[in-house]
C-alpha atoms as a PDB file:
ATOM      1  CA  MET A   1       0.000   0.000   0.000  1.00  0.00           C
ATOM      2  CA  THR A   2       1.349   3.343  -1.013  1.00  0.00           C
ATOM      3  CA  GLU A   3       1.065   6.299   1.319  1.00  0.00           C
ATOM      4  CA  THR A   4       0.283   9.694  -0.052  1.00  0.00           C
ATOM      5  CA  PHE A   5       1.916  12.912   0.963  1.00  0.00           C
ATOM      6  CA  ASP A   6      -1.193  13.837   2.977  1.00  0.00           C
ATOM      7  CA  ASP A   7      -0.972  10.621   4.996  1.00  0.00           C
ATOM      8  CA  GLN A   8       2.657  11.336   5.907  1.00  0.00           C
ATOM      9  CA  LYS A   9       1.814  14.887   6.872  1.00  0.00           C
ATOM     10  CA  GLN A  10      -0.957  13.750   9.202  1.00  0.00           C
ATOM     11  CA  ARG A  11       1.320  11.276  10.938  1.00  0.00           C
ATOM     12  CA  ARG A  12       3.788  14.091  11.625  1.00  0.00           C
ATOM     13  CA  GLN A  13       1.075  16.208  13.175  1.00  0.00           C
ATOM     14  CA  ARG A  14       0.143  13.360  15.475  1.00  0.00           C
ATOM     15  CA  ARG A  15       3.726  13.103  16.756  1.00  0.00           C
ATOM     16  CA  LEU A  16       4.120  16.853  17.176  1.00  0.00           C
ATOM     17  CA  PRO A  17       2.192  17.103  20.497  1.00  0.00           C
ATOM     18  CA  SER A  18       4.468  14.384  21.886  1.00  0.00           C
ATOM     19  CA  LEU A  19       7.537  16.388  20.841  1.00  0.00           C
ATOM     20  CA  ARG A  20       6.085  19.590  22.316  1.00  0.00           C
ATOM     21  CA  LEU A  21       5.410  17.753  25.560  1.00  0.00           C
ATOM     22  CA  LYS A  22       9.004  16.512  25.715  1.00  0.00           C
ATOM     23  CA  ILE A  23      10.369  20.005  25.052  1.00  0.00           C
ATOM     24  CA  ALA A  24       8.088  21.520  27.709  1.00  0.00           C
ATOM     25  CA  ALA A  25       9.127  18.840  30.213  1.00  0.00           C
ATOM     26  CA  GLY A  26      12.796  19.498  29.460  1.00  0.00           C
ATOM     27  CA  ILE A  27      12.400  23.241  29.917  1.00  0.00           C
ATOM     28  CA  LEU A  28      10.471  22.728  33.149  1.00  0.00           C
ATOM     29  CA  THR A  29      13.137  20.359  34.470  1.00  0.00           C
ATOM     30  CA  ALA A  30      15.897  22.843  33.615  1.00  0.00           C
ATOM     31  CA  PHE A  31      13.955  25.666  35.263  1.00  0.00           C
ATOM     32  CA  ILE A  32      13.409  23.656  38.455  1.00  0.00           C
ATOM     33  CA  GLY A  33      17.084  22.692  38.536  1.00  0.00           C
ATOM     34  CA  MET A  34      18.241  26.287  38.089  1.00  0.00           C
ATOM     35  CA  SER A  35      15.794  27.515  40.718  1.00  0.00           C
ATOM     36  CA  TYR A  36      17.121  24.970  43.194  1.00  0.00           C
ATOM     37  CA  ALA A  37      20.737  25.888  42.438  1.00  0.00           C
ATOM     38  CA  ILE A  38      20.082  29.624  42.766  1.00  0.00           C
ATOM     39  CA  GLY A  39      18.101  29.135  45.982  1.00  0.00           C
ATOM     40  CA  THR A  40      20.811  26.936  47.470  1.00  0.00           C
ATOM     41  CA  PHE A  41      23.501  29.498  46.636  1.00  0.00           C
ATOM     42  CA  ALA A  42      21.459  32.378  48.068  1.00  0.00           C
ATOM     43  CA  ALA A  43      20.841  30.462  51.280  1.00  0.00           C
ATOM     44  CA  HIS A  44      24.547  29.805  51.763  1.00  0.00           C
ATOM     45  CA  ALA A  45      26.018  32.959  50.209  1.00  0.00           C
ATOM     46  CA  PRO A  46      28.490  34.776  52.432  1.00  0.00           C
ATOM     47  CA  THR A  47      27.479  38.212  53.626  1.00  0.00           C
ATOM     48  CA  ASP A  48      30.972  39.571  52.972  1.00  0.00           C
ATOM     49  CA  VAL A  49      33.180  38.560  50.091  1.00  0.00           C
ATOM     50  CA  GLY A  50      36.744  39.294  49.123  1.00  0.00           C
ATOM     51  CA  ILE A  51      39.111  41.052  51.452  1.00  0.00           C
ATOM     52  CA  GLY A  52      36.232  42.434  53.523  1.00  0.00           C
ATOM     53  CA  ALA A  53      35.565  38.906  54.799  1.00  0.00           C
ATOM     54  CA  SER A  54      39.114  38.633  56.199  1.00  0.00           C
ATOM     55  CA  SER A  55      39.287  38.299  59.952  1.00  0.00           C
ATOM     56  CA  CYS A  56      40.778  41.126  61.958  1.00  0.00           C
ATOM     57  CA  ALA A  57      43.443  38.719  63.214  1.00  0.00           C
ATOM     58  CA  SER A  58      44.643  37.940  59.670  1.00  0.00           C
ATOM     59  CA  THR A  59      44.320  41.584  58.666  1.00  0.00           C
ATOM     60  CA  LEU A  60      46.578  42.650  61.532  1.00  0.00           C
ATOM     61  CA  GLU A  61      49.180  40.086  60.472  1.00  0.00           C
ATOM     62  CA  MET A  62      49.303  41.518  56.954  1.00  0.00           C
ATOM     63  CA  LEU A  63      49.124  45.245  57.755  1.00  0.00           C
ATOM     64  CA  GLY A  64      52.443  46.974  57.267  1.00  0.00           C
ATOM     65  CA  ASP A  65      53.053  45.386  53.875  1.00  0.00           C
ATOM     66  CA  ALA A  66      52.786  48.286  51.419  1.00  0.00           C
ATOM     67  CA  HIS A  67      50.887  46.256  48.815  1.00  0.00           C
ATOM     68  CA  TYR A  68      48.403  44.895  51.363  1.00  0.00           C
ATOM     69  CA  ASP A  69      47.931  48.359  52.889  1.00  0.00           C
ATOM     70  CA  ARG A  70      46.999  49.707  49.432  1.00  0.00           C
ATOM     71  CA  ILE A  71      44.499  46.884  48.952  1.00  0.00           C
ATOM     72  CA  VAL A  72      42.935  47.559  52.374  1.00  0.00           C
ATOM     73  CA  THR A  73      42.684  51.308  51.794  1.00  0.00           C
ATOM     74  CA  ALA A  74      41.308  50.906  48.263  1.00  0.00           C
ATOM     75  CA  TRP A  75      38.684  48.388  49.401  1.00  0.00           C
ATOM     76  CA  SER A  76      37.824  50.500  52.449  1.00  0.00           C
ATOM     77  CA  SER A  77      37.493  53.667  50.373  1.00  0.00           C
ATOM     78  CA  GLY A  78      35.088  51.893  48.049  1.00  0.00           C
ATOM     79  CA  PHE A  79      33.104  50.531  50.987  1.00  0.00           C
ATOM     80  CA  ILE A  80      32.853  53.986  52.580  1.00  0.00           C
ATOM     81  CA  SER A  81      31.955  55.704  49.323  1.00  0.00           C
ATOM     82  CA  GLY A  82      29.375  53.045  48.455  1.00  0.00           C
ATOM     83  CA  SER A  83      27.852  53.200  51.927  1.00  0.00           C
ATOM     84  CA  ASN A  84      27.574  56.960  51.651  1.00  0.00           C
ATOM     85  CA  THR A  85      25.972  56.761  48.222  1.00  0.00           C
ATOM     86  CA  GLU A  86      23.485  54.202  49.510  1.00  0.00           C
ATOM     87  CA  ALA A  87      22.577  56.584  52.319  1.00  0.00           C
ATOM     88  CA  ILE A  88      21.511  59.462  50.059  1.00  0.00           C
ATOM     89  CA  GLY A  89      18.309  60.873  51.441  1.00  0.00           C
ATOM     90  CA  GLU A  90      18.765  59.047  54.726  1.00  0.00           C
ATOM     91  CA  SER A  91      20.075  60.473  57.966  1.00  0.00           C
ATOM     92  CA  ARG A  92      23.138  58.240  57.853  1.00  0.00           C
ATOM     93  CA  ARG A  93      24.895  60.121  55.033  1.00  0.00           C
ATOM     94  CA  ARG A  94      28.374  60.991  56.340  1.00  0.00           C
ATOM     95  CA  ASP A  95      31.041  63.589  55.665  1.00  0.00           C
ATOM     96  CA  ILE A  96      33.767  61.448  54.103  1.00  0.00           C
ATOM     97  CA  ALA A  97      36.056  64.278  53.010  1.00  0.00           C
ATOM     98  CA  ALA A  98      38.417  63.820  55.962  1.00  0.00           C
ATOM     99  CA  VAL A  99      38.936  60.082  55.366  1.00  0.00           C
ATOM    100  CA  SER A 100      42.495  59.369  54.236  1.00  0.00           C
ATOM    101  CA  GLU A 101      44.590  56.262  53.730  1.00  0.00           C
ATOM    102  CA  ALA A 102      46.355  56.950  57.015  1.00  0.00           C
ATOM    103  CA  SER A 103      43.097  57.363  58.935  1.00  0.00           C
ATOM    104  CA  ILE A 104      41.717  54.145  57.461  1.00  0.00           C
ATOM    105  CA  LEU A 105      44.811  52.146  58.419  1.00  0.00           C
ATOM    106  CA  ARG A 106      44.916  53.695  61.881  1.00  0.00           C
ATOM    107  CA  HIS A 107      41.266  52.851  62.523  1.00  0.00           C
ATOM    108  CA  VAL A 108      41.577  49.304  61.148  1.00  0.00           C
ATOM    109  CA  ARG A 109      44.612  48.614  63.360  1.00  0.00           C
ATOM    110  CA  THR A 110      42.888  49.966  66.475  1.00  0.00           C
ATOM    111  CA  TYR A 111      39.553  48.234  65.839  1.00  0.00           C
ATOM    112  CA  CYS A 112      41.059  44.905  64.810  1.00  0.00           C
ATOM    113  CA  ALA A 113      43.451  44.792  67.773  1.00  0.00           C
ATOM    114  CA  ALA A 114      40.425  45.026  70.077  1.00  0.00           C
ATOM    115  CA  ASN A 115      38.189  42.696  67.991  1.00  0.00           C
ATOM    116  CA  LEU A 116      40.314  39.870  66.577  1.00  0.00           C
ATOM    117  CA  THR A 117      37.354  37.678  65.598  1.00  0.00           C
ATOM    118  CA  GLU A 118      35.552  40.436  63.670  1.00  0.00           C
ATOM    119  CA  THR A 119      36.139  41.164  59.967  1.00  0.00           C
ATOM    120  CA  LEU A 120      37.759  43.973  58.029  1.00  0.00           C
ATOM    121  CA  SER A 121      34.274  44.812  56.791  1.00  0.00           C
ATOM    122  CA  SER A 122      33.018  45.380  60.337  1.00  0.00           C
ATOM    123  CA  ALA A 123      36.046  47.564  61.101  1.00  0.00           C
ATOM    124  CA  VAL A 124      35.393  49.800  58.109  1.00  0.00           C
ATOM    125  CA  GLU A 125      31.669  49.911  58.833  1.00  0.00           C
ATOM    126  CA  MET A 126      32.474  51.187  62.338  1.00  0.00           C
ATOM    127  CA  LEU A 127      34.745  53.832  60.810  1.00  0.00           C
ATOM    128  CA  PHE A 128      31.945  54.904  58.473  1.00  0.00           C
ATOM    129  CA  THR A 129      29.356  55.184  61.251  1.00  0.00           C
ATOM    130  CA  SER A 130      31.783  57.184  63.396  1.00  0.00           C
ATOM    131  CA  LEU A 131      32.102  59.900  60.737  1.00  0.00           C
ATOM    132  CA  PRO A 132      30.116  63.101  61.320  1.00  0.00           C
ATOM    133  CA  GLU A 133      26.848  63.510  59.443  1.00  0.00           C
ATOM    134  CA  HIS A 134      27.025  65.474  56.212  1.00  0.00           C
ATOM    135  CA  HIS A 135      24.736  68.504  56.124  1.00  0.00           C
END
């Protein structure tokens, strides 16, 4: 028995819903997998990353090295500037004009010596909150 072109075309249309169902199931599976992975990462993501997550104890050990001091002051300056930008329109906006590399390093040394288990991030946050309000 010879099949006509129309018969072949109809058979294809019958298989098409099955193919669409497989594609939809694949997309749904991928979506569920990505959602789980993103949710798992967000639940376990560190609050501080990079050098800001360094403990005060390790920071104190490294301070004094010119290269490390530059990294600390650059990171701290960015943290302070970003915190101040975030505070626009809020009462916590600070006058950051007087912050210098020397004042950052001095504060970090003092804070970290008294709080060895804290992080560099917490030291710089304390420096930021101690600055006078900007009017």
